[in-house]
C-alpha atoms as a PDB file:
ATOM      1  CA  MET A   1       9.664 -18.513 -11.015  1.00  0.00           C
ATOM      2  CA  ASN A   2       9.955 -20.947 -13.533  1.00  0.00           C
ATOM      3  CA  ASP A   3      11.474 -19.635 -16.970  1.00  0.00           C
ATOM      4  CA  ARG A   4       8.010 -20.255 -19.043  1.00  0.00           C
ATOM      5  CA  ALA A   5       6.239 -18.342 -17.081  1.00  0.00           C
ATOM      6  CA  SER A   6       9.194 -15.816 -16.634  1.00  0.00           C
ATOM      7  CA  GLN A   7       8.446 -15.200 -20.539  1.00  0.00           C
ATOM      8  CA  VAL A   8       4.735 -14.345 -20.289  1.00  0.00           C
ATOM      9  CA  ALA A   9       3.746 -11.060 -20.328  1.00  0.00           C
ATOM     10  CA  GLY A  10       2.018 -10.182 -17.241  1.00  0.00           C
ATOM     11  CA  ILE A  11       3.286 -12.633 -15.042  1.00  0.00           C
ATOM     12  CA  ASN A  12       7.069 -11.804 -14.034  1.00  0.00           C
ATOM     13  CA  ILE A  13       7.463  -8.182 -12.364  1.00  0.00           C
ATOM     14  CA  GLU A  14      10.363  -6.321 -14.027  1.00  0.00           C
ATOM     15  CA  VAL A  15      12.222  -3.238 -12.954  1.00  0.00           C
ATOM     16  CA  ASP A  16      12.171  -2.064 -16.345  1.00  0.00           C
ATOM     17  CA  GLU A  17       8.408  -2.512 -16.703  1.00  0.00           C
ATOM     18  CA  LEU A  18       7.800  -0.159 -13.416  1.00  0.00           C
ATOM     19  CA  LEU A  19      10.537   2.732 -14.272  1.00  0.00           C
ATOM     20  CA  ARG A  20       8.560   3.135 -17.322  1.00  0.00           C
ATOM     21  CA  VAL A  21       5.315   3.784 -15.604  1.00  0.00           C
ATOM     22  CA  ARG A  22       6.646   7.543 -14.637  1.00  0.00           C
ATOM     23  CA  ALA A  23       6.517   8.191 -18.260  1.00  0.00           C
ATOM     24  CA  GLN A  24       2.895   7.125 -18.105  1.00  0.00           C
ATOM     25  CA  LEU A  25       2.842   9.755 -15.322  1.00  0.00           C
ATOM     26  CA  SER A  26       4.381  12.210 -16.452  1.00  0.00           C
ATOM     27  CA  GLY A  27       2.208  14.975 -17.361  1.00  0.00           C
ATOM     28  CA  LEU A  28       0.673  14.765 -13.677  1.00  0.00           C
ATOM     29  CA  ARG A  29       3.895  16.028 -12.079  1.00  0.00           C
ATOM     30  CA  LEU A  30       3.335  19.322 -12.593  1.00  0.00           C
ATOM     31  CA  ALA A  31      -0.074  18.922 -10.677  1.00  0.00           C
ATOM     32  CA  HIS A  32       1.429  17.699  -7.971  1.00  0.00           C
ATOM     33  CA  SER A  33       4.275  19.759  -7.971  1.00  0.00           C
ATOM     34  CA  GLN A  34       1.850  22.384  -7.537  1.00  0.00           C
ATOM     35  CA  ARG A  35      -0.272  20.979  -4.983  1.00  0.00           C
ATOM     36  CA  ARG A  36       3.176  20.786  -3.085  1.00  0.00           C
ATOM     37  CA  ALA A  37       4.469  24.076  -3.174  1.00  0.00           C
ATOM     38  CA  SER A  38       0.676  25.378  -2.165  1.00  0.00           C
ATOM     39  CA  TYR A  39       1.329  22.839   0.809  1.00  0.00           C
ATOM     40  CA  ARG A  40       4.560  24.636   1.768  1.00  0.00           C
ATOM     41  CA  SER A  41       3.809  28.026   1.695  1.00  0.00           C
ATOM     42  CA  GLY A  42       0.296  27.130   3.563  1.00  0.00           C
ATOM     43  CA  ALA A  43      -2.035  28.633   0.377  1.00  0.00           C
ATOM     44  CA  ARG A  44      -4.761  25.620   1.665  1.00  0.00           C
ATOM     45  CA  GLU A  45      -5.578  23.692   4.865  1.00  0.00           C
ATOM     46  CA  VAL A  46      -4.202  20.602   5.674  1.00  0.00           C
ATOM     47  CA  ARG A  47      -3.950  17.965   8.058  1.00  0.00           C
ATOM     48  CA  VAL A  48      -0.009  17.649   9.303  1.00  0.00           C
ATOM     49  CA  ARG A  49       0.054  14.836  12.041  1.00  0.00           C
ATOM     50  CA  GLY A  50       2.636  15.649  14.622  1.00  0.00           C
ATOM     51  CA  ARG A  51       4.801  18.862  15.586  1.00  0.00           C
ATOM     52  CA  GLY A  52       7.758  17.856  13.435  1.00  0.00           C
ATOM     53  CA  MET A  53      11.406  17.119  14.692  1.00  0.00           C
ATOM     54  CA  GLU A  54      13.406  20.144  13.488  1.00  0.00           C
ATOM     55  CA  TYR A  55      14.634  22.365  16.507  1.00  0.00           C
ATOM     56  CA  GLU A  56      13.541  25.767  15.859  1.00  0.00           C
ATOM     57  CA  GLU A  57      14.059  28.283  18.788  1.00  0.00           C
ATOM     58  CA  SER A  58      13.734  28.396  22.384  1.00  0.00           C
ATOM     59  CA  ARG A  59      10.874  31.125  23.889  1.00  0.00           C
ATOM     60  CA  ALA A  60       9.396  32.059  27.266  1.00  0.00           C
ATOM     61  CA  TYR A  61       7.233  28.852  28.583  1.00  0.00           C
ATOM     62  CA  VAL A  62       3.580  30.041  28.644  1.00  0.00           C
ATOM     63  CA  SER A  63       0.735  28.223  30.472  1.00  0.00           C
ATOM     64  CA  GLY A  64      -0.868  25.461  28.042  1.00  0.00           C
ATOM     65  CA  ASP A  65       3.136  24.727  26.479  1.00  0.00           C
ATOM     66  CA  ASP A  66       3.820  20.962  26.008  1.00  0.00           C
ATOM     67  CA  VAL A  67       5.856  20.355  29.271  1.00  0.00           C
ATOM     68  CA  ARG A  68       7.581  17.833  28.051  1.00  0.00           C
ATOM     69  CA  THR A  69       9.525  20.247  25.665  1.00  0.00           C
ATOM     70  CA  MET A  70      10.496  22.441  28.618  1.00  0.00           C
ATOM     71  CA  ASP A  71      14.230  23.644  27.742  1.00  0.00           C
ATOM     72  CA  TRP A  72      15.676  22.652  30.966  1.00  0.00           C
ATOM     73  CA  ARG A  73      19.353  24.276  29.801  1.00  0.00           C
ATOM     74  CA  VAL A  74      17.972  27.413  28.945  1.00  0.00           C
ATOM     75  CA  MET A  75      15.850  27.273  32.217  1.00  0.00           C
ATOM     76  CA  ALA A  76      19.231  26.596  34.231  1.00  0.00           C
ATOM     77  CA  ARG A  77      20.825  29.663  32.459  1.00  0.00           C
ATOM     78  CA  THR A  78      18.396  32.097  32.756  1.00  0.00           C
ATOM     79  CA  GLY A  79      16.208  31.274  35.947  1.00  0.00           C
ATOM     80  CA  GLU A  80      13.211  31.376  33.667  1.00  0.00           C
ATOM     81  CA  ALA A  81      10.968  28.789  32.023  1.00  0.00           C
ATOM     82  CA  HIS A  82      11.165  28.460  28.343  1.00  0.00           C
ATOM     83  CA  THR A  83       9.859  25.601  26.054  1.00  0.00           C
ATOM     84  CA  LYS A  84      11.642  24.478  22.722  1.00  0.00           C
ATOM     85  CA  VAL A  85       9.350  25.357  19.208  1.00  0.00           C
ATOM     86  CA  PHE A  86       9.988  22.950  16.472  1.00  0.00           C
ATOM     87  CA  ALA A  87       9.231  23.361  12.881  1.00  0.00           C
ATOM     88  CA  GLU A  88       6.011  21.798  11.524  1.00  0.00           C
ATOM     89  CA  GLU A  89       7.251  18.994   9.753  1.00  0.00           C
ATOM     90  CA  LYS A  90       6.065  19.044   5.923  1.00  0.00           C
ATOM     91  CA  GLU A  91       7.772  16.193   4.154  1.00  0.00           C
ATOM     92  CA  ARG A  92       6.160  13.362   4.800  1.00  0.00           C
ATOM     93  CA  HIS A  93       6.691   9.553   4.487  1.00  0.00           C
ATOM     94  CA  PHE A  94       5.298   7.809   2.544  1.00  0.00           C
ATOM     95  CA  LEU A  95       5.550   3.609   2.951  1.00  0.00           C
ATOM     96  CA  ILE A  96       4.651   1.195  -0.080  1.00  0.00           C
ATOM     97  CA  ALA A  97       3.199  -1.894   1.600  1.00  0.00           C
ATOM     98  CA  VAL A  98       2.895  -4.334  -0.791  1.00  0.00           C
ATOM     99  CA  ASP A  99       1.504  -8.187   0.098  1.00  0.00           C
ATOM    100  CA  LEU A 100       2.175 -10.518  -2.481  1.00  0.00           C
ATOM    101  CA  SER A 101       0.745 -13.933  -0.792  1.00  0.00           C
ATOM    102  CA  ALA A 102       0.502 -17.017  -2.640  1.00  0.00           C
ATOM    103  CA  SER A 103      -3.176 -16.107  -3.456  1.00  0.00           C
ATOM    104  CA  MET A 104      -1.584 -13.234  -4.980  1.00  0.00           C
ATOM    105  CA  PHE A 105       0.026 -15.308  -8.034  1.00  0.00           C
ATOM    106  CA  PHE A 106      -3.354 -15.675 -10.253  1.00  0.00           C
ATOM    107  CA  GLY A 107      -5.089 -14.248 -13.087  1.00  0.00           C
ATOM    108  CA  THR A 108      -7.276 -15.407 -15.450  1.00  0.00           C
ATOM    109  CA  ARG A 109      -6.323 -12.884 -18.218  1.00  0.00           C
ATOM    110  CA  PHE A 110      -4.258 -10.057 -18.988  1.00  0.00           C
ATOM    111  CA  SER A 111      -1.555 -10.237 -15.762  1.00  0.00           C
ATOM    112  CA  PHE A 112      -0.913 -12.032 -12.378  1.00  0.00           C
ATOM    113  CA  LYS A 113      -2.616  -9.868  -9.575  1.00  0.00           C
ATOM    114  CA  SER A 114       1.040  -9.655  -7.997  1.00  0.00           C
ATOM    115  CA  TRP A 115       1.838  -8.453 -11.539  1.00  0.00           C
ATOM    116  CA  SER A 116      -1.526  -5.083 -11.240  1.00  0.00           C
ATOM    117  CA  ALA A 117      -0.299  -4.904  -7.582  1.00  0.00           C
ATOM    118  CA  ALA A 118       3.517  -4.084  -8.433  1.00  0.00           C
ATOM    119  CA  GLN A 119       2.485  -1.611 -11.052  1.00  0.00           C
ATOM    120  CA  VAL A 120      -0.102   0.341  -8.554  1.00  0.00           C
ATOM    121  CA  ALA A 121       3.094   0.292  -6.194  1.00  0.00           C
ATOM    122  CA  ALA A 122       5.058   1.496  -9.078  1.00  0.00           C
ATOM    123  CA  HIS A 123       2.040   4.057  -9.803  1.00  0.00           C
ATOM    124  CA  VAL A 124       1.184   5.783  -6.402  1.00  0.00           C
ATOM    125  CA  GLY A 125       5.190   5.573  -5.768  1.00  0.00           C
ATOM    126  CA  TRP A 126       6.151   8.062  -8.636  1.00  0.00           C
ATOM    127  CA  LEU A 127       3.236  10.324  -7.798  1.00  0.00           C
ATOM    128  CA  SER A 128       4.158  10.106  -4.208  1.00  0.00           C
ATOM    129  CA  ARG A 129       8.057  11.414  -5.584  1.00  0.00           C
ATOM    130  CA  PHE A 130       6.397  14.048  -7.986  1.00  0.00           C
ATOM    131  CA  ALA A 131       4.938  15.074  -4.876  1.00  0.00           C
ATOM    132  CA  GLY A 132       8.417  15.039  -2.813  1.00  0.00           C
ATOM    133  CA  ASP A 133       8.044  12.650   0.020  1.00  0.00           C
ATOM    134  CA  ARG A 134      10.013  10.513   1.543  1.00  0.00           C
ATOM    135  CA  ILE A 135       9.263   6.839  -0.116  1.00  0.00           C
ATOM    136  CA  GLY A 136       9.840   3.956   1.833  1.00  0.00           C
ATOM    137  CA  GLY A 137       8.167   0.216   1.568  1.00  0.00           C
ATOM    138  CA  LEU A 138       7.171  -3.237   2.682  1.00  0.00           C
ATOM    139  CA  ILE A 139       7.161  -6.351   0.393  1.00  0.00           C
ATOM    140  CA  VAL A 140       6.140  -9.505   1.833  1.00  0.00           C
ATOM    141  CA  SER A 141       5.787 -13.127  -0.040  1.00  0.00           C
ATOM    142  CA  PRO A 142       5.742 -16.795   0.982  1.00  0.00           C
ATOM    143  CA  GLY A 143       8.648 -17.035   2.592  1.00  0.00           C
ATOM    144  CA  ARG A 144      10.685 -13.718   2.452  1.00  0.00           C
ATOM    145  CA  HIS A 145       9.835  -9.989   3.456  1.00  0.00           C
ATOM    146  CA  TYR A 146      11.797  -7.041   2.309  1.00  0.00           C
ATOM    147  CA  GLU A 147      11.965  -3.762   4.209  1.00  0.00           C
ATOM    148  CA  VAL A 148      12.975  -0.474   2.185  1.00  0.00           C
ATOM    149  CA  ARG A 149      13.621   2.474   4.802  1.00  0.00           C
ATOM    150  CA  PRO A 150      12.092   6.022   3.359  1.00  0.00           C
ATOM    151  CA  GLY A 151      14.724   7.846   1.580  1.00  0.00           C
ATOM    152  CA  LYS A 152      14.749  11.442   0.301  1.00  0.00           C
ATOM    153  CA  THR A 153      16.043  10.887  -3.054  1.00  0.00           C
ATOM    154  CA  ARG A 154      15.062   8.357  -5.996  1.00  0.00           C
ATOM    155  CA  SER A 155      17.048   5.705  -4.531  1.00  0.00           C
ATOM    156  CA  GLY A 156      14.016   4.609  -2.079  1.00  0.00           C
ATOM    157  CA  LEU A 157      11.522   3.840  -4.846  1.00  0.00           C
ATOM    158  CA  LEU A 158      14.412   2.449  -7.146  1.00  0.00           C
ATOM    159  CA  ASN A 159      15.372  -0.123  -4.143  1.00  0.00           C
ATOM    160  CA  VAL A 160      11.643  -0.647  -3.485  1.00  0.00           C
ATOM    161  CA  PHE A 161      10.986  -1.491  -7.197  1.00  0.00           C
ATOM    162  CA  HIS A 162      13.827  -4.009  -7.252  1.00  0.00           C
ATOM    163  CA  CYS A 163      12.377  -5.784  -4.018  1.00  0.00           C
ATOM    164  CA  LEU A 164       9.041  -6.281  -5.754  1.00  0.00           C
ATOM    165  CA  ALA A 165      10.818  -7.977  -8.812  1.00  0.00           C
ATOM    166  CA  GLN A 166      12.738 -10.375  -5.779  1.00  0.00           C
ATOM    167  CA  ALA A 167       9.759 -11.658  -4.375  1.00  0.00           C
ATOM    168  CA  GLY A 168       7.865 -12.168  -7.425  1.00  0.00           C
ATOM    169  CA  ASN A 169      10.398 -14.536  -8.201  1.00  0.00           C
ATOM    170  CA  ILE A 170       9.199 -17.846  -6.746  1.00  0.00           C
ATOM    171  CA  GLU A 171       8.507 -21.033  -8.102  1.00  0.00           C
ATOM    172  CA  LEU A 172       4.857 -21.744  -9.402  1.00  0.00           C
ATOM    173  CA  PRO A 173       2.301 -22.828  -8.242  1.00  0.00           C
ATOM    174  CA  PRO A 174       2.623 -21.682  -4.843  1.00  0.00           C
ATOM    175  CA  ASP A 175       1.938 -22.763  -1.213  1.00  0.00           C
ATOM    176  CA  LEU A 176      -1.292 -21.655  -0.918  1.00  0.00           C
ATOM    177  CA  SER A 177      -1.703 -21.612   3.049  1.00  0.00           C
ATOM    178  CA  GLN A 178       1.031 -19.481   3.312  1.00  0.00           C
ATOM    179  CA  ASN A 179      -0.751 -15.891   3.406  1.00  0.00           C
ATOM    180  CA  ARG A 180       1.464 -13.212   4.867  1.00  0.00           C
ATOM    181  CA  PHE A 181      -1.311 -10.120   5.051  1.00  0.00           C
ATOM    182  CA  ASN A 182      -1.109 -10.002   9.136  1.00  0.00           C
ATOM    183  CA  PHE A 183       2.439 -10.113   8.920  1.00  0.00           C
ATOM    184  CA  LEU A 184       2.491  -7.300   6.669  1.00  0.00           C
ATOM    185  CA  LEU A 185       0.497  -5.602   8.967  1.00  0.00           C
ATOM    186  CA  ARG A 186       2.319  -6.438  11.728  1.00  0.00           C
ATOM    187  CA  GLU A 187       5.522  -5.272   9.898  1.00  0.00           C
ATOM    188  CA  LEU A 188       3.946  -1.997   9.160  1.00  0.00           C
ATOM    189  CA  ASP A 189       3.129  -1.337  12.453  1.00  0.00           C
ATOM    190  CA  ARG A 190       6.737  -2.062  14.080  1.00  0.00           C
ATOM    191  CA  VAL A 191       8.530   0.363  11.189  1.00  0.00           C
ATOM    192  CA  VAL A 192       5.902   3.039  10.338  1.00  0.00           C
ATOM    193  CA  LYS A 193       6.554   6.800  11.726  1.00  0.00           C
ATOM    194  CA  PRO A 194       3.402   8.711  13.139  1.00  0.00           C
ATOM    195  CA  GLY A 195       2.255  10.747  10.349  1.00  0.00           C
ATOM    196  CA  SER A 196       2.809   8.838   7.385  1.00  0.00           C
ATOM    197  CA  ILE A 197       0.945   7.714   4.119  1.00  0.00           C
ATOM    198  CA  ILE A 198       0.603   4.203   3.802  1.00  0.00           C
ATOM    199  CA  ALA A 199      -0.407   2.608   0.686  1.00  0.00           C
ATOM    200  CA  LEU A 200      -1.473  -0.837   1.428  1.00  0.00           C
ATOM    201  CA  ILE A 201      -1.827  -3.087  -1.786  1.00  0.00           C
ATOM    202  CA  SER A 202      -3.530  -6.808  -1.351  1.00  0.00           C
ATOM    203  CA  ASP A 203      -6.186  -8.796  -2.359  1.00  0.00           C
ATOM    204  CA  PHE A 204      -6.969  -8.924   1.428  1.00  0.00           C
ATOM    205  CA  ILE A 205      -7.551 -12.742   1.326  1.00  0.00           C
ATOM    206  CA  GLY A 206      -6.796 -13.762   5.050  1.00  0.00           C
ATOM    207  CA  VAL A 207      -8.395 -10.631   6.802  1.00  0.00           C
ATOM    208  CA  ASP A 208      -9.372 -11.501   9.966  1.00  0.00           C
ATOM    209  CA  ASP A 209     -10.460 -10.081  13.428  1.00  0.00           C
ATOM    210  CA  GLN A 210      -6.662  -9.482  14.142  1.00  0.00           C
ATOM    211  CA  SER A 211      -6.388  -7.697  10.604  1.00  0.00           C
ATOM    212  CA  ALA A 212      -8.498  -4.860  12.004  1.00  0.00           C
ATOM    213  CA  GLU A 213      -6.883  -4.772  15.471  1.00  0.00           C
ATOM    214  CA  ILE A 214      -3.492  -4.099  13.885  1.00  0.00           C
ATOM    215  CA  LEU A 215      -5.081  -1.696  11.480  1.00  0.00           C
ATOM    216  CA  SER A 216      -7.145   0.304  14.428  1.00  0.00           C
ATOM    217  CA  THR A 217      -3.517   1.112  15.424  1.00  0.00           C
ATOM    218  CA  LEU A 218      -1.760   2.341  12.025  1.00  0.00           C
ATOM    219  CA  VAL A 219      -4.814   4.433  11.371  1.00  0.00           C
ATOM    220  CA  LYS A 220      -4.706   6.034  14.544  1.00  0.00           C
ATOM    221  CA  HIS A 221      -1.667   7.953  13.303  1.00  0.00           C
ATOM    222  CA  ASN A 222      -1.029   7.540  10.162  1.00  0.00           C
ATOM    223  CA  ASP A 223      -3.226   8.042   6.259  1.00  0.00           C
ATOM    224  CA  VAL A 224      -3.688   4.639   4.976  1.00  0.00           C
ATOM    225  CA  ASN A 225      -5.205   3.974   1.378  1.00  0.00           C
ATOM    226  CA  ALA A 226      -6.164   0.743   0.470  1.00  0.00           C
ATOM    227  CA  TYR A 227      -6.035  -0.925  -3.180  1.00  0.00           C
ATOM    228  CA  TRP A 228      -7.980  -4.222  -3.328  1.00  0.00           C
ATOM    229  CA  ILE A 229      -6.394  -6.052  -6.254  1.00  0.00           C
ATOM    230  CA  HIS A 230      -8.492  -8.612  -7.540  1.00  0.00           C
ATOM    231  CA  ASP A 231      -9.402 -10.981 -10.658  1.00  0.00           C
ATOM    232  CA  ASP A 232     -12.504 -10.005 -12.122  1.00  0.00           C
ATOM    233  CA  THR A 233     -13.479 -13.676 -11.625  1.00  0.00           C
ATOM    234  CA  GLU A 234     -13.537 -12.873  -7.780  1.00  0.00           C
ATOM    235  CA  SER A 235     -16.209 -10.742  -7.975  1.00  0.00           C
ATOM    236  CA  ASN A 236     -18.264 -10.948 -10.706  1.00  0.00           C
ATOM    237  CA  PRO A 237     -20.524 -13.912 -11.542  1.00  0.00           C
ATOM    238  CA  TRP A 238     -18.988 -17.009 -13.780  1.00  0.00           C
ATOM    239  CA  PRO A 239     -20.194 -18.595 -17.221  1.00  0.00           C
ATOM    240  CA  GLY A 240     -22.291 -21.777 -16.962  1.00  0.00           C
ATOM    241  CA  GLY A 241     -19.548 -24.679 -17.831  1.00  0.00           C
ATOM    242  CA  HIS A 242     -17.322 -26.913 -16.325  1.00  0.00           C
ATOM    243  CA  TYR A 243     -14.189 -25.958 -14.693  1.00  0.00           C
ATOM    244  CA  GLN A 244     -11.520 -27.529 -13.549  1.00  0.00           C
ATOM    245  CA  VAL A 245      -9.082 -25.704 -10.873  1.00  0.00           C
ATOM    246  CA  LEU A 246      -5.695 -27.058  -9.009  1.00  0.00           C
ATOM    247  CA  ALA A 247      -6.147 -27.675  -5.193  1.00  0.00           C
ATOM    248  CA  GLU A 248      -3.572 -28.278  -2.912  1.00  0.00           C
ATOM    249  CA  ARG A 249      -1.966 -29.556  -6.198  1.00  0.00           C
ATOM    250  CA  ARG A 250      -4.560 -31.804  -7.581  1.00  0.00           C
ATOM    251  CA  ARG A 251      -7.288 -30.493 -10.456  1.00  0.00           C
ATOM    252  CA  VAL A 252     -10.470 -30.933  -9.421  1.00  0.00           C
ATOM    253  CA  GLY A 253     -13.469 -30.613 -11.699  1.00  0.00           C
ATOM    254  CA  PHE A 254     -16.830 -28.541 -10.943  1.00  0.00           C
ATOM    255  CA  ASP A 255     -19.948 -27.452 -12.905  1.00  0.00           C
ATOM    256  CA  LEU A 256     -21.457 -24.047 -12.687  1.00  0.00           C
ATOM    257  CA  ALA A 257     -25.017 -24.229 -14.001  1.00  0.00           C
ATOM    258  CA  GLY A 258     -27.386 -23.022 -11.421  1.00  0.00           C
ATOM    259  CA  SER A 259     -26.096 -25.385  -9.527  1.00  0.00           C
ATOM    260  CA  THR A 260     -25.258 -25.326  -5.148  1.00  0.00           C
ATOM    261  CA  GLN A 261     -21.630 -24.907  -5.996  1.00  0.00           C
ATOM    262  CA  ASP A 262     -22.685 -21.663  -8.196  1.00  0.00           C
ATOM    263  CA  SER A 263     -24.421 -20.391  -5.517  1.00  0.00           C
ATOM    264  CA  TRP A 264     -21.895 -21.312  -2.979  1.00  0.00           C
ATOM    265  CA  LEU A 265     -18.888 -19.742  -5.384  1.00  0.00           C
ATOM    266  CA  SER A 266     -21.135 -16.226  -5.431  1.00  0.00           C
ATOM    267  CA  GLN A 267     -21.795 -16.271  -1.388  1.00  0.00           C
ATOM    268  CA  ARG A 268     -18.320 -16.425  -0.957  1.00  0.00           C
ATOM    269  CA  GLN A 269     -17.155 -13.517  -3.423  1.00  0.00           C
ATOM    270  CA  GLN A 270     -19.884 -11.398  -1.689  1.00  0.00           C
ATOM    271  CA  ALA A 271     -18.452 -11.852   1.675  1.00  0.00           C
ATOM    272  CA  HIS A 272     -14.916 -11.488   0.796  1.00  0.00           C
ATOM    273  CA  ARG A 273     -16.227  -7.934  -0.893  1.00  0.00           C
ATOM    274  CA  ALA A 274     -18.181  -7.328   2.408  1.00  0.00           C
ATOM    275  CA  GLN A 275     -15.457  -8.062   4.758  1.00  0.00           C
ATOM    276  CA  ILE A 276     -12.915  -5.437   2.668  1.00  0.00           C
ATOM    277  CA  GLU A 277     -15.375  -2.993   2.188  1.00  0.00           C
ATOM    278  CA  MET A 278     -16.456  -3.069   5.836  1.00  0.00           C
ATOM    279  CA  LEU A 279     -13.050  -3.278   7.273  1.00  0.00           C
ATOM    280  CA  THR A 280     -12.045  -0.152   5.121  1.00  0.00           C
ATOM    281  CA  SER A 281     -15.257   1.544   5.867  1.00  0.00           C
ATOM    282  CA  GLY A 282     -15.079   1.232   9.797  1.00  0.00           C
ATOM    283  CA  PHE A 283     -11.366   2.872   9.783  1.00  0.00           C
ATOM    284  CA  ASP A 284     -12.310   5.407   7.147  1.00  0.00           C
ATOM    285  CA  ILE A 285     -10.191   3.974   4.774  1.00  0.00           C
ATOM    286  CA  PRO A 286     -10.503   5.288   1.588  1.00  0.00           C
ATOM    287  CA  LEU A 287     -10.844   1.448  -0.830  1.00  0.00           C
ATOM    288  CA  PHE A 288      -9.644   1.503  -4.256  1.00  0.00           C
ATOM    289  CA  PRO A 289     -10.626  -1.725  -6.520  1.00  0.00           C
ATOM    290  CA  ILE A 290      -8.446  -2.476  -9.104  1.00  0.00           C
ATOM    291  CA  SER A 291      -8.967  -5.278 -11.340  1.00  0.00           C
ATOM    292  CA  CYS A 292      -5.948  -7.420 -12.969  1.00  0.00           C
ATOM    293  CA  ASN A 293      -7.534  -8.449 -16.103  1.00  0.00           C
ATOM    294  CA  ARG A 294      -7.154  -4.774 -17.364  1.00  0.00           C
ATOM    295  CA  PRO A 295      -3.984  -1.891 -17.495  1.00  0.00           C
ATOM    296  CA  VAL A 296      -3.539  -0.574 -14.524  1.00  0.00           C
ATOM    297  CA  THR A 297      -3.099   3.298 -15.190  1.00  0.00           C
ATOM    298  CA  PRO A 298      -6.638   3.897 -16.970  1.00  0.00           C
ATOM    299  CA  GLN A 299      -7.979   2.741 -13.381  1.00  0.00           C
ATOM    300  CA  ILE A 300      -5.179   4.715 -11.449  1.00  0.00           C
ATOM    301  CA  LEU A 301      -6.192   7.971 -13.448  1.00  0.00           C
ATOM    302  CA  GLN A 302      -9.901   7.253 -13.103  1.00  0.00           C
ATOM    303  CA  LYS A 303      -9.643   7.072  -9.343  1.00  0.00           C
ATOM    304  CA  LEU A 304      -6.957  10.059  -9.002  1.00  0.00           C
ATOM    305  CA  VAL A 305      -8.209  12.898  -7.309  1.00  0.00           C
ATOM    306  CA  LEU A 306      -5.927  15.862  -7.876  1.00  0.00           C
END
């Protein structure tokens, strides 16, 4: 990113800013620790996908046991059918998937969508860290992508932060033809471990039938939460007046004052939001709209359900 843009607050993604989010959420740490403790001890009902991978013991086979878990060595030694028992897997993988396509490097006030996306990643990442999850990440930007494998220590989240800072360092204005949303979904489908939690952070520009096809696979074995990063101008009516925008590196002017252009813009806004809501509701994915025109922390706290 050029030197002038890097000096403007809300544009350049800085690791130090993402680290400071931890202090803003420190009051929630106890609540999340208590939640995790009850989760491990069975104090409340939870959904755990899969049987776990840690071998615990072998016992006599009973009708209905999965034949794939048969302990053939014990059977050979004793002459009786035995099956392996695995410890239930309580610790989950948490994947932070951030779409930094060209359309994310935009914002009318306060911050770029890319900067707000990184802030959302930091918020959900720290909350997941408080809960003791293994944190990894996938970040895509024009021409680049980064993969951080889930790690048990704090280093997993720190690596995600460093990758976000690198992915956000691009030349402005970016090539708007480079939408990487479906590439991000395909990479998620490739690396995700069944039973993971996925935080999908994007402006969802570029969603199409292929997106729905990949998501249908992801939601079968994982919990997906969607964070829709948007500028208010992408969801609210624009004040009437003359505007100049940069399109394919050319300045284009248009007027909004009850004109056909005004109607066209409103229809595009409504269609995009409807597309996002239809996609997420169709797969029962919680949707969290986040505006890049306001601080992220109050928006996250308002939506957070402990």
